[in-house]
ModelCIF file with pLDDT and N, C-alpha, C, O atoms, coordinates in Angstrom:
data_MODEL
#
_entry.id   MODEL 
#
_entity.id                         1 
_entity.type                       polymer 
_entity.pdbx_number_of_molecules   1 
#
_entity_poly.entity_id                      1 
_entity_poly.type                           'polypeptide(L)' 
_entity_poly.nstd_linkage                   no 
_entity_poly.nstd_monomer                   no 
_entity_poly.pdbx_seq_one_letter_code       HFHLSDLPAHLLAIAQARIVTLWLVGALLGVPLGMPVCSRFGRKWCLL 
_entity_poly.pdbx_seq_one_letter_code_can   HFHLSDLPAHLLAIAQARIVTLWLVGALLGVPLGMPVCSRFGRKWCLL 
_entity_poly.pdbx_strand_id                 A 
#
loop_
_entity_poly_seq.entity_id 
_entity_poly_seq.num 
_entity_poly_seq.mon_id 
_entity_poly_seq.hetero 
1 1  HIS n 
1 2  PHE n 
1 3  HIS n 
1 4  LEU n 
1 5  SER n 
1 6  ASP n 
1 7  LEU n 
1 8  PRO n 
1 9  ALA n 
1 10 HIS n 
1 11 LEU n 
1 12 LEU n 
1 13 ALA n 
1 14 ILE n 
1 15 ALA n 
1 16 GLN n 
1 17 ALA n 
1 18 ARG n 
1 19 ILE n 
1 20 VAL n 
1 21 THR n 
1 22 LEU n 
1 23 TRP n 
1 24 LEU n 
1 25 VAL n 
1 26 GLY n 
1 27 ALA n 
1 28 LEU n 
1 29 LEU n 
1 30 GLY n 
1 31 VAL n 
1 32 PRO n 
1 33 LEU n 
1 34 GLY n 
1 35 MET n 
1 36 PRO n 
1 37 VAL n 
1 38 CYS n 
1 39 SER n 
1 40 ARG n 
1 41 PHE n 
1 42 GLY n 
1 43 ARG n 
1 44 LYS n 
1 45 TRP n 
1 46 CYS n 
1 47 LEU n 
1 48 LEU n 
#
_struct_asym.id          A 
_struct_asym.entity_id   1 
#
loop_
_ma_qa_metric.id 
_ma_qa_metric.mode 
_ma_qa_metric.name 
_ma_qa_metric.software_group_id 
_ma_qa_metric.type 
1 global pLDDT . pLDDT 
2 local  pLDDT . pLDDT 
#
_ma_qa_metric_global.metric_id      1 
_ma_qa_metric_global.metric_value   88.67 
_ma_qa_metric_global.model_id       1 
_ma_qa_metric_global.ordinal_id     1 
#
loop_
_ma_qa_metric_local.label_asym_id 
_ma_qa_metric_local.label_comp_id 
_ma_qa_metric_local.label_seq_id 
_ma_qa_metric_local.metric_id 
_ma_qa_metric_local.metric_value 
_ma_qa_metric_local.model_id 
_ma_qa_metric_local.ordinal_id 
A HIS 1  2 84.00 1 1  
A PHE 2  2 84.00 1 2  
A HIS 3  2 84.00 1 3  
A LEU 4  2 85.00 1 4  
A SER 5  2 85.00 1 5  
A ASP 6  2 85.00 1 6  
A LEU 7  2 87.00 1 7  
A PRO 8  2 91.00 1 8  
A ALA 9  2 90.00 1 9  
A HIS 10 2 92.00 1 10 
A LEU 11 2 91.00 1 11 
A LEU 12 2 89.00 1 12 
A ALA 13 2 91.00 1 13 
A ILE 14 2 91.00 1 14 
A ALA 15 2 89.00 1 15 
A GLN 16 2 89.00 1 16 
A ALA 17 2 91.00 1 17 
A ARG 18 2 92.00 1 18 
A ILE 19 2 90.00 1 19 
A VAL 20 2 90.00 1 20 
A THR 21 2 92.00 1 21 
A LEU 22 2 93.00 1 22 
A TRP 23 2 91.00 1 23 
A LEU 24 2 90.00 1 24 
A VAL 25 2 94.00 1 25 
A GLY 26 2 93.00 1 26 
A ALA 27 2 90.00 1 27 
A LEU 28 2 92.00 1 28 
A LEU 29 2 94.00 1 29 
A GLY 30 2 90.00 1 30 
A VAL 31 2 88.00 1 31 
A PRO 32 2 90.00 1 32 
A LEU 33 2 87.00 1 33 
A GLY 34 2 85.00 1 34 
A MET 35 2 89.00 1 35 
A PRO 36 2 89.00 1 36 
A VAL 37 2 87.00 1 37 
A CYS 38 2 85.00 1 38 
A SER 39 2 86.00 1 39 
A ARG 40 2 90.00 1 40 
A PHE 41 2 89.00 1 41 
A GLY 42 2 86.00 1 42 
A ARG 43 2 83.00 1 43 
A LYS 44 2 85.00 1 44 
A TRP 45 2 89.00 1 45 
A CYS 46 2 86.00 1 46 
A LEU 47 2 85.00 1 47 
A LEU 48 2 88.00 1 48 
#
loop_
_atom_site.group_PDB 
_atom_site.id 
_atom_site.type_symbol 
_atom_site.label_atom_id 
_atom_site.label_alt_id 
_atom_site.label_comp_id 
_atom_site.label_asym_id 
_atom_site.label_entity_id 
_atom_site.label_seq_id 
_atom_site.pdbx_PDB_ins_code 
_atom_site.Cartn_x 
_atom_site.Cartn_y 
_atom_site.Cartn_z 
_atom_site.occupancy 
_atom_site.B_iso_or_equiv 
_atom_site.pdbx_formal_charge 
_atom_site.auth_seq_id 
_atom_site.auth_comp_id 
_atom_site.auth_asym_id 
_atom_site.auth_atom_id 
_atom_site.pdbx_PDB_model_num 
ATOM 1   N N  . HIS A 1 1  ? -11.623 2.055   30.045 1.00 84.00 ? 1  HIS A N  1 
ATOM 2   C CA . HIS A 1 1  ? -10.413 1.445   30.603 1.00 84.00 ? 1  HIS A CA 1 
ATOM 3   C C  . HIS A 1 1  ? -9.270  2.449   30.689 1.00 84.00 ? 1  HIS A C  1 
ATOM 4   O O  . HIS A 1 1  ? -8.532  2.476   31.674 1.00 84.00 ? 1  HIS A O  1 
ATOM 5   N N  . PHE A 1 2  ? -9.131  3.258   29.674 1.00 84.00 ? 2  PHE A N  1 
ATOM 6   C CA . PHE A 1 2  ? -8.053  4.250   29.662 1.00 84.00 ? 2  PHE A CA 1 
ATOM 7   C C  . PHE A 1 2  ? -8.516  5.615   30.157 1.00 84.00 ? 2  PHE A C  1 
ATOM 8   O O  . PHE A 1 2  ? -7.810  6.609   29.986 1.00 84.00 ? 2  PHE A O  1 
ATOM 9   N N  . HIS A 1 3  ? -9.681  5.670   30.761 1.00 84.00 ? 3  HIS A N  1 
ATOM 10  C CA . HIS A 1 3  ? -10.235 6.886   31.365 1.00 84.00 ? 3  HIS A CA 1 
ATOM 11  C C  . HIS A 1 3  ? -10.364 8.011   30.336 1.00 84.00 ? 3  HIS A C  1 
ATOM 12  O O  . HIS A 1 3  ? -10.214 9.188   30.664 1.00 84.00 ? 3  HIS A O  1 
ATOM 13  N N  . LEU A 1 4  ? -10.641 7.634   29.107 1.00 85.00 ? 4  LEU A N  1 
ATOM 14  C CA . LEU A 1 4  ? -10.828 8.633   28.054 1.00 85.00 ? 4  LEU A CA 1 
ATOM 15  C C  . LEU A 1 4  ? -12.273 9.095   27.977 1.00 85.00 ? 4  LEU A C  1 
ATOM 16  O O  . LEU A 1 4  ? -12.554 10.158  27.424 1.00 85.00 ? 4  LEU A O  1 
ATOM 17  N N  . SER A 1 5  ? -13.191 8.311   28.523 1.00 85.00 ? 5  SER A N  1 
ATOM 18  C CA . SER A 1 5  ? -14.606 8.693   28.468 1.00 85.00 ? 5  SER A CA 1 
ATOM 19  C C  . SER A 1 5  ? -14.906 9.892   29.370 1.00 85.00 ? 5  SER A C  1 
ATOM 20  O O  . SER A 1 5  ? -15.935 10.550  29.214 1.00 85.00 ? 5  SER A O  1 
ATOM 21  N N  . ASP A 1 6  ? -14.009 10.170  30.307 1.00 85.00 ? 6  ASP A N  1 
ATOM 22  C CA . ASP A 1 6  ? -14.200 11.302  31.213 1.00 85.00 ? 6  ASP A CA 1 
ATOM 23  C C  . ASP A 1 6  ? -13.703 12.618  30.624 1.00 85.00 ? 6  ASP A C  1 
ATOM 24  O O  . ASP A 1 6  ? -13.948 13.683  31.191 1.00 85.00 ? 6  ASP A O  1 
ATOM 25  N N  . LEU A 1 7  ? -13.013 12.552  29.498 1.00 87.00 ? 7  LEU A N  1 
ATOM 26  C CA . LEU A 1 7  ? -12.415 13.750  28.915 1.00 87.00 ? 7  LEU A CA 1 
ATOM 27  C C  . LEU A 1 7  ? -13.443 14.571  28.145 1.00 87.00 ? 7  LEU A C  1 
ATOM 28  O O  . LEU A 1 7  ? -14.403 14.026  27.601 1.00 87.00 ? 7  LEU A O  1 
ATOM 29  N N  . PRO A 1 8  ? -13.236 15.886  28.102 1.00 91.00 ? 8  PRO A N  1 
ATOM 30  C CA . PRO A 1 8  ? -14.057 16.712  27.207 1.00 91.00 ? 8  PRO A CA 1 
ATOM 31  C C  . PRO A 1 8  ? -13.791 16.318  25.748 1.00 91.00 ? 8  PRO A C  1 
ATOM 32  O O  . PRO A 1 8  ? -12.781 15.686  25.437 1.00 91.00 ? 8  PRO A O  1 
ATOM 33  N N  . ALA A 1 9  ? -14.693 16.692  24.887 1.00 90.00 ? 9  ALA A N  1 
ATOM 34  C CA . ALA A 1 9  ? -14.626 16.249  23.486 1.00 90.00 ? 9  ALA A CA 1 
ATOM 35  C C  . ALA A 1 9  ? -13.321 16.640  22.799 1.00 90.00 ? 9  ALA A C  1 
ATOM 36  O O  . ALA A 1 9  ? -12.758 15.838  22.054 1.00 90.00 ? 9  ALA A O  1 
ATOM 37  N N  . HIS A 1 10 ? -12.834 17.845  23.032 1.00 92.00 ? 10 HIS A N  1 
ATOM 38  C CA . HIS A 1 10 ? -11.610 18.267  22.347 1.00 92.00 ? 10 HIS A CA 1 
ATOM 39  C C  . HIS A 1 10 ? -10.382 17.511  22.857 1.00 92.00 ? 10 HIS A C  1 
ATOM 40  O O  . HIS A 1 10 ? -9.480  17.211  22.075 1.00 92.00 ? 10 HIS A O  1 
ATOM 41  N N  . LEU A 1 11 ? -10.333 17.200  24.155 1.00 91.00 ? 11 LEU A N  1 
ATOM 42  C CA . LEU A 1 11 ? -9.206  16.421  24.685 1.00 91.00 ? 11 LEU A CA 1 
ATOM 43  C C  . LEU A 1 11 ? -9.289  14.956  24.260 1.00 91.00 ? 11 LEU A C  1 
ATOM 44  O O  . LEU A 1 11 ? -8.263  14.307  24.055 1.00 91.00 ? 11 LEU A O  1 
ATOM 45  N N  . LEU A 1 12 ? -10.501 14.442  24.130 1.00 89.00 ? 12 LEU A N  1 
ATOM 46  C CA . LEU A 1 12 ? -10.675 13.084  23.624 1.00 89.00 ? 12 LEU A CA 1 
ATOM 47  C C  . LEU A 1 12 ? -10.187 12.995  22.181 1.00 89.00 ? 12 LEU A C  1 
ATOM 48  O O  . LEU A 1 12 ? -9.531  12.023  21.805 1.00 89.00 ? 12 LEU A O  1 
ATOM 49  N N  . ALA A 1 13 ? -10.502 13.996  21.379 1.00 91.00 ? 13 ALA A N  1 
ATOM 50  C CA . ALA A 1 13 ? -10.045 14.010  19.989 1.00 91.00 ? 13 ALA A CA 1 
ATOM 51  C C  . ALA A 1 13 ? -8.523  14.075  19.908 1.00 91.00 ? 13 ALA A C  1 
ATOM 52  O O  . ALA A 1 13 ? -7.920  13.435  19.046 1.00 91.00 ? 13 ALA A O  1 
ATOM 53  N N  . ILE A 1 14 ? -7.905  14.835  20.790 1.00 91.00 ? 14 ILE A N  1 
ATOM 54  C CA . ILE A 1 14 ? -6.445  14.921  20.820 1.00 91.00 ? 14 ILE A CA 1 
ATOM 55  C C  . ILE A 1 14 ? -5.836  13.579  21.211 1.00 91.00 ? 14 ILE A C  1 
ATOM 56  O O  . ILE A 1 14 ? -4.857  13.140  20.606 1.00 91.00 ? 14 ILE A O  1 
ATOM 57  N N  . ALA A 1 15 ? -6.409  12.928  22.216 1.00 89.00 ? 15 ALA A N  1 
ATOM 58  C CA . ALA A 1 15 ? -5.889  11.625  22.658 1.00 89.00 ? 15 ALA A CA 1 
ATOM 59  C C  . ALA A 1 15 ? -6.049  10.579  21.555 1.00 89.00 ? 15 ALA A C  1 
ATOM 60  O O  . ALA A 1 15 ? -5.141  9.781   21.324 1.00 89.00 ? 15 ALA A O  1 
ATOM 61  N N  . GLN A 1 16 ? -7.185  10.575  20.880 1.00 89.00 ? 16 GLN A N  1 
ATOM 62  C CA . GLN A 1 16 ? -7.394  9.616   19.798 1.00 89.00 ? 16 GLN A CA 1 
ATOM 63  C C  . GLN A 1 16 ? -6.457  9.891   18.628 1.00 89.00 ? 16 GLN A C  1 
ATOM 64  O O  . GLN A 1 16 ? -5.932  8.959   18.019 1.00 89.00 ? 16 GLN A O  1 
ATOM 65  N N  . ALA A 1 17 ? -6.248  11.153  18.316 1.00 91.00 ? 17 ALA A N  1 
ATOM 66  C CA . ALA A 1 17 ? -5.326  11.507  17.229 1.00 91.00 ? 17 ALA A CA 1 
ATOM 67  C C  . ALA A 1 17 ? -3.899  11.098  17.570 1.00 91.00 ? 17 ALA A C  1 
ATOM 68  O O  . ALA A 1 17 ? -3.155  10.644  16.700 1.00 91.00 ? 17 ALA A O  1 
ATOM 69  N N  . ARG A 1 18 ? -3.521  11.257  18.822 1.00 92.00 ? 18 ARG A N  1 
ATOM 70  C CA . ARG A 1 18 ? -2.170  10.858  19.252 1.00 92.00 ? 18 ARG A CA 1 
ATOM 71  C C  . ARG A 1 18 ? -1.978  9.348   19.107 1.00 92.00 ? 18 ARG A C  1 
ATOM 72  O O  . ARG A 1 18 ? -0.922  8.896   18.665 1.00 92.00 ? 18 ARG A O  1 
ATOM 73  N N  . ILE A 1 19 ? -2.987  8.576   19.476 1.00 90.00 ? 19 ILE A N  1 
ATOM 74  C CA . ILE A 1 19 ? -2.896  7.116   19.373 1.00 90.00 ? 19 ILE A CA 1 
ATOM 75  C C  . ILE A 1 19 ? -2.731  6.687   17.912 1.00 90.00 ? 19 ILE A C  1 
ATOM 76  O O  . ILE A 1 19 ? -1.929  5.804   17.611 1.00 90.00 ? 19 ILE A O  1 
ATOM 77  N N  . VAL A 1 20 ? -3.480  7.304   17.020 1.00 90.00 ? 20 VAL A N  1 
ATOM 78  C CA . VAL A 1 20 ? -3.378  6.966   15.600 1.00 90.00 ? 20 VAL A CA 1 
ATOM 79  C C  . VAL A 1 20 ? -2.050  7.445   15.025 1.00 90.00 ? 20 VAL A C  1 
ATOM 80  O O  . VAL A 1 20 ? -1.388  6.711   14.291 1.00 90.00 ? 20 VAL A O  1 
ATOM 81  N N  . THR A 1 21 ? -1.664  8.658   15.352 1.00 92.00 ? 21 THR A N  1 
ATOM 82  C CA . THR A 1 21 ? -0.474  9.266   14.774 1.00 92.00 ? 21 THR A CA 1 
ATOM 83  C C  . THR A 1 21 ? 0.810   8.586   15.224 1.00 92.00 ? 21 THR A C  1 
ATOM 84  O O  . THR A 1 21 ? 1.756   8.488   14.443 1.00 92.00 ? 21 THR A O  1 
ATOM 85  N N  . LEU A 1 22 ? 0.865   8.118   16.458 1.00 93.00 ? 22 LEU A N  1 
ATOM 86  C CA . LEU A 1 22 ? 2.089   7.460   16.929 1.00 93.00 ? 22 LEU A CA 1 
ATOM 87  C C  . LEU A 1 22 ? 2.416   6.226   16.106 1.00 93.00 ? 22 LEU A C  1 
ATOM 88  O O  . LEU A 1 22 ? 3.586   5.944   15.852 1.00 93.00 ? 22 LEU A O  1 
ATOM 89  N N  . TRP A 1 23 ? 1.400   5.492   15.689 1.00 91.00 ? 23 TRP A N  1 
ATOM 90  C CA . TRP A 1 23 ? 1.663   4.323   14.853 1.00 91.00 ? 23 TRP A CA 1 
ATOM 91  C C  . TRP A 1 23 ? 2.190   4.749   13.490 1.00 91.00 ? 23 TRP A C  1 
ATOM 92  O O  . TRP A 1 23 ? 3.134   4.153   12.970 1.00 91.00 ? 23 TRP A O  1 
ATOM 93  N N  . LEU A 1 24 ? 1.581   5.779   12.911 1.00 90.00 ? 24 LEU A N  1 
ATOM 94  C CA . LEU A 1 24 ? 2.008   6.241   11.589 1.00 90.00 ? 24 LEU A CA 1 
ATOM 95  C C  . LEU A 1 24 ? 3.422   6.805   11.625 1.00 90.00 ? 24 LEU A C  1 
ATOM 96  O O  . LEU A 1 24 ? 4.207   6.566   10.707 1.00 90.00 ? 24 LEU A O  1 
ATOM 97  N N  . VAL A 1 25 ? 3.754   7.547   12.668 1.00 94.00 ? 25 VAL A N  1 
ATOM 98  C CA . VAL A 1 25 ? 5.118   8.070   12.812 1.00 94.00 ? 25 VAL A CA 1 
ATOM 99  C C  . VAL A 1 25 ? 6.103   6.912   12.996 1.00 94.00 ? 25 VAL A C  1 
ATOM 100 O O  . VAL A 1 25 ? 7.195   6.925   12.428 1.00 94.00 ? 25 VAL A O  1 
ATOM 101 N N  . GLY A 1 26 ? 5.715   5.919   13.787 1.00 93.00 ? 26 GLY A N  1 
ATOM 102 C CA . GLY A 1 26 ? 6.572   4.746   13.954 1.00 93.00 ? 26 GLY A CA 1 
ATOM 103 C C  . GLY A 1 26 ? 6.801   4.030   12.636 1.00 93.00 ? 26 GLY A C  1 
ATOM 104 O O  . GLY A 1 26 ? 7.920   3.607   12.347 1.00 93.00 ? 26 GLY A O  1 
ATOM 105 N N  . ALA A 1 27 ? 5.754   3.889   11.834 1.00 90.00 ? 27 ALA A N  1 
ATOM 106 C CA . ALA A 1 27 ? 5.911   3.238   10.528 1.00 90.00 ? 27 ALA A CA 1 
ATOM 107 C C  . ALA A 1 27 ? 6.810   4.058   9.614  1.00 90.00 ? 27 ALA A C  1 
ATOM 108 O O  . ALA A 1 27 ? 7.618   3.506   8.867  1.00 90.00 ? 27 ALA A O  1 
ATOM 109 N N  . LEU A 1 28 ? 6.666   5.377   9.677  1.00 92.00 ? 28 LEU A N  1 
ATOM 110 C CA . LEU A 1 28 ? 7.507   6.252   8.865  1.00 92.00 ? 28 LEU A CA 1 
ATOM 111 C C  . LEU A 1 28 ? 8.978   6.144   9.277  1.00 92.00 ? 28 LEU A C  1 
ATOM 112 O O  . LEU A 1 28 ? 9.861   6.109   8.420  1.00 92.00 ? 28 LEU A O  1 
ATOM 113 N N  . LEU A 1 29 ? 9.240   6.090   10.570 1.00 94.00 ? 29 LEU A N  1 
ATOM 114 C CA . LEU A 1 29 ? 10.616  5.993   11.052 1.00 94.00 ? 29 LEU A CA 1 
ATOM 115 C C  . LEU A 1 29 ? 11.169  4.568   10.957 1.00 94.00 ? 29 LEU A C  1 
ATOM 116 O O  . LEU A 1 29 ? 12.385  4.374   10.966 1.00 94.00 ? 29 LEU A O  1 
ATOM 117 N N  . GLY A 1 30 ? 10.295  3.588   10.867 1.00 90.00 ? 30 GLY A N  1 
ATOM 118 C CA . GLY A 1 30 ? 10.742  2.200   10.777 1.00 90.00 ? 30 GLY A CA 1 
ATOM 119 C C  . GLY A 1 30 ? 11.457  1.892   9.477  1.00 90.00 ? 30 GLY A C  1 
ATOM 120 O O  . GLY A 1 30 ? 12.326  1.021   9.438  1.00 90.00 ? 30 GLY A O  1 
ATOM 121 N N  . VAL A 1 31 ? 11.104  2.590   8.421  1.00 88.00 ? 31 VAL A N  1 
ATOM 122 C CA . VAL A 1 31 ? 11.759  2.348   7.131  1.00 88.00 ? 31 VAL A CA 1 
ATOM 123 C C  . VAL A 1 31 ? 13.235  2.736   7.188  1.00 88.00 ? 31 VAL A C  1 
ATOM 124 O O  . VAL A 1 31 ? 14.080  1.901   6.863  1.00 88.00 ? 31 VAL A O  1 
ATOM 125 N N  . PRO A 1 32 ? 13.589  3.967   7.587  1.00 90.00 ? 32 PRO A N  1 
ATOM 126 C CA . PRO A 1 32 ? 15.027  4.268   7.658  1.00 90.00 ? 32 PRO A CA 1 
ATOM 127 C C  . PRO A 1 32 ? 15.744  3.497   8.767  1.00 90.00 ? 32 PRO A C  1 
ATOM 128 O O  . PRO A 1 32 ? 16.949  3.266   8.678  1.00 90.00 ? 32 PRO A O  1 
ATOM 129 N N  . LEU A 1 33 ? 15.014  3.098   9.808  1.00 87.00 ? 33 LEU A N  1 
ATOM 130 C CA . LEU A 1 33 ? 15.634  2.290   10.854 1.00 87.00 ? 33 LEU A CA 1 
ATOM 131 C C  . LEU A 1 33 ? 16.017  0.912   10.319 1.00 87.00 ? 33 LEU A C  1 
ATOM 132 O O  . LEU A 1 33 ? 17.026  0.340   10.732 1.00 87.00 ? 33 LEU A O  1 
ATOM 133 N N  . GLY A 1 34 ? 15.220  0.385   9.408  1.00 85.00 ? 34 GLY A N  1 
ATOM 134 C CA . GLY A 1 34 ? 15.499  -0.927  8.855  1.00 85.00 ? 34 GLY A CA 1 
ATOM 135 C C  . GLY A 1 34 ? 16.670  -0.949  7.883  1.00 85.00 ? 34 GLY A C  1 
ATOM 136 O O  . GLY A 1 34 ? 17.280  -1.998  7.680  1.00 85.00 ? 34 GLY A O  1 
ATOM 137 N N  . MET A 1 35 ? 16.988  0.175   7.289  1.00 89.00 ? 35 MET A N  1 
ATOM 138 C CA . MET A 1 35 ? 18.068  0.198   6.295  1.00 89.00 ? 35 MET A CA 1 
ATOM 139 C C  . MET A 1 35 ? 19.415  -0.240  6.857  1.00 89.00 ? 35 MET A C  1 
ATOM 140 O O  . MET A 1 35 ? 20.043  -1.125  6.276  1.00 89.00 ? 35 MET A O  1 
ATOM 141 N N  . PRO A 1 36 ? 19.891  0.342   7.968  1.00 89.00 ? 36 PRO A N  1 
ATOM 142 C CA . PRO A 1 36 ? 21.184  -0.123  8.482  1.00 89.00 ? 36 PRO A CA 1 
ATOM 143 C C  . PRO A 1 36 ? 21.138  -1.559  8.999  1.00 89.00 ? 36 PRO A C  1 
ATOM 144 O O  . PRO A 1 36 ? 22.132  -2.281  8.921  1.00 89.00 ? 36 PRO A O  1 
ATOM 145 N N  . VAL A 1 37 ? 19.992  -1.971  9.524  1.00 87.00 ? 37 VAL A N  1 
ATOM 146 C CA . VAL A 1 37 ? 19.881  -3.356  10.000 1.00 87.00 ? 37 VAL A CA 1 
ATOM 147 C C  . VAL A 1 37 ? 19.981  -4.309  8.819  1.00 87.00 ? 37 VAL A C  1 
ATOM 148 O O  . VAL A 1 37 ? 20.653  -5.337  8.903  1.00 87.00 ? 37 VAL A O  1 
ATOM 149 N N  . CYS A 1 38 ? 19.312  -3.972  7.713  1.00 85.00 ? 38 CYS A N  1 
ATOM 150 C CA . CYS A 1 38 ? 19.372  -4.822  6.515  1.00 85.00 ? 38 CYS A CA 1 
ATOM 151 C C  . CYS A 1 38 ? 20.769  -4.863  5.921  1.00 85.00 ? 38 CYS A C  1 
ATOM 152 O O  . CYS A 1 38 ? 21.264  -5.929  5.554  1.00 85.00 ? 38 CYS A O  1 
ATOM 153 N N  . SER A 1 39 ? 21.398  -3.716  5.826  1.00 86.00 ? 39 SER A N  1 
ATOM 154 C CA . SER A 1 39 ? 22.711  -3.691  5.189  1.00 86.00 ? 39 SER A CA 1 
ATOM 155 C C  . SER A 1 39 ? 23.780  -4.368  6.044  1.00 86.00 ? 39 SER A C  1 
ATOM 156 O O  . SER A 1 39 ? 24.745  -4.919  5.513  1.00 86.00 ? 39 SER A O  1 
ATOM 157 N N  . ARG A 1 40 ? 23.612  -4.330  7.349  1.00 90.00 ? 40 ARG A N  1 
ATOM 158 C CA . ARG A 1 40 ? 24.628  -4.938  8.213  1.00 90.00 ? 40 ARG A CA 1 
ATOM 159 C C  . ARG A 1 40 ? 24.379  -6.423  8.464  1.00 90.00 ? 40 ARG A C  1 
ATOM 160 O O  . ARG A 1 40 ? 25.315  -7.222  8.432  1.00 90.00 ? 40 ARG A O  1 
ATOM 161 N N  . PHE A 1 41 ? 23.131  -6.796  8.712  1.00 89.00 ? 41 PHE A N  1 
ATOM 162 C CA . PHE A 1 41 ? 22.834  -8.175  9.117  1.00 89.00 ? 41 PHE A CA 1 
ATOM 163 C C  . PHE A 1 41 ? 22.126  -9.000  8.043  1.00 89.00 ? 41 PHE A C  1 
ATOM 164 O O  . PHE A 1 41 ? 22.046  -10.222 8.166  1.00 89.00 ? 41 PHE A O  1 
ATOM 165 N N  . GLY A 1 42 ? 21.619  -8.366  7.008  1.00 86.00 ? 42 GLY A N  1 
ATOM 166 C CA . GLY A 1 42 ? 20.938  -9.094  5.951  1.00 86.00 ? 42 GLY A CA 1 
ATOM 167 C C  . GLY A 1 42 ? 19.422  -9.038  6.090  1.00 86.00 ? 42 GLY A C  1 
ATOM 168 O O  . GLY A 1 42 ? 18.879  -8.607  7.107  1.00 86.00 ? 42 GLY A O  1 
ATOM 169 N N  . ARG A 1 43 ? 18.761  -9.493  5.027  1.00 83.00 ? 43 ARG A N  1 
ATOM 170 C CA . ARG A 1 43 ? 17.302  -9.390  4.972  1.00 83.00 ? 43 ARG A CA 1 
ATOM 171 C C  . ARG A 1 43 ? 16.610  -10.282 5.991  1.00 83.00 ? 43 ARG A C  1 
ATOM 172 O O  . ARG A 1 43 ? 15.616  -9.882  6.596  1.00 83.00 ? 43 ARG A O  1 
ATOM 173 N N  . LYS A 1 44 ? 17.129  -11.482 6.181  1.00 85.00 ? 44 LYS A N  1 
ATOM 174 C CA . LYS A 1 44 ? 16.482  -12.418 7.097  1.00 85.00 ? 44 LYS A CA 1 
ATOM 175 C C  . LYS A 1 44 ? 16.449  -11.862 8.523  1.00 85.00 ? 44 LYS A C  1 
ATOM 176 O O  . LYS A 1 44 ? 15.411  -11.901 9.183  1.00 85.00 ? 44 LYS A O  1 
ATOM 177 N N  . TRP A 1 45 ? 17.567  -11.354 8.989  1.00 89.00 ? 45 TRP A N  1 
ATOM 178 C CA . TRP A 1 45 ? 17.624  -10.825 10.352 1.00 89.00 ? 45 TRP A CA 1 
ATOM 179 C C  . TRP A 1 45 ? 16.857  -9.524  10.483 1.00 89.00 ? 45 TRP A C  1 
ATOM 180 O O  . TRP A 1 45 ? 16.311  -9.228  11.546 1.00 89.00 ? 45 TRP A O  1 
ATOM 181 N N  . CYS A 1 46 ? 16.811  -8.749  9.418  1.00 86.00 ? 46 CYS A N  1 
ATOM 182 C CA . CYS A 1 46 ? 16.019  -7.521  9.439  1.00 86.00 ? 46 CYS A CA 1 
ATOM 183 C C  . CYS A 1 46 ? 14.525  -7.845  9.528  1.00 86.00 ? 46 CYS A C  1 
ATOM 184 O O  . CYS A 1 46 ? 13.772  -7.171  10.231 1.00 86.00 ? 46 CYS A O  1 
ATOM 185 N N  . LEU A 1 47 ? 14.111  -8.887  8.803  1.00 85.00 ? 47 LEU A N  1 
ATOM 186 C CA . LEU A 1 47 ? 12.709  -9.302  8.873  1.00 85.00 ? 47 LEU A CA 1 
ATOM 187 C C  . LEU A 1 47 ? 12.376  -9.840  10.263 1.00 85.00 ? 47 LEU A C  1 
ATOM 188 O O  . LEU A 1 47 ? 11.292  -9.581  10.787 1.00 85.00 ? 47 LEU A O  1 
ATOM 189 N N  . LEU A 1 48 ? 13.293  -10.580 10.853 1.00 88.00 ? 48 LEU A N  1 
ATOM 190 C CA . LEU A 1 48 ? 13.074  -11.056 12.224 1.00 88.00 ? 48 LEU A CA 1 
ATOM 191 C C  . LEU A 1 48 ? 13.074  -9.895  13.222 1.00 88.00 ? 48 LEU A C  1 
ATOM 192 O O  . LEU A 1 48 ? 12.903  -10.112 14.422 1.00 88.00 ? 48 LEU A O  1 
#
């Protein structure tokens, strides 16, 4: 579906690593992003 089966093995590995890593980087950055939201709007709105 994402036309990854046509890629050579090394480019497929890079694409798969990027997909996994983007989530982990987002989770890492989500913690400091949540701090100002929590302190300004409270826990309930931060959770929402």
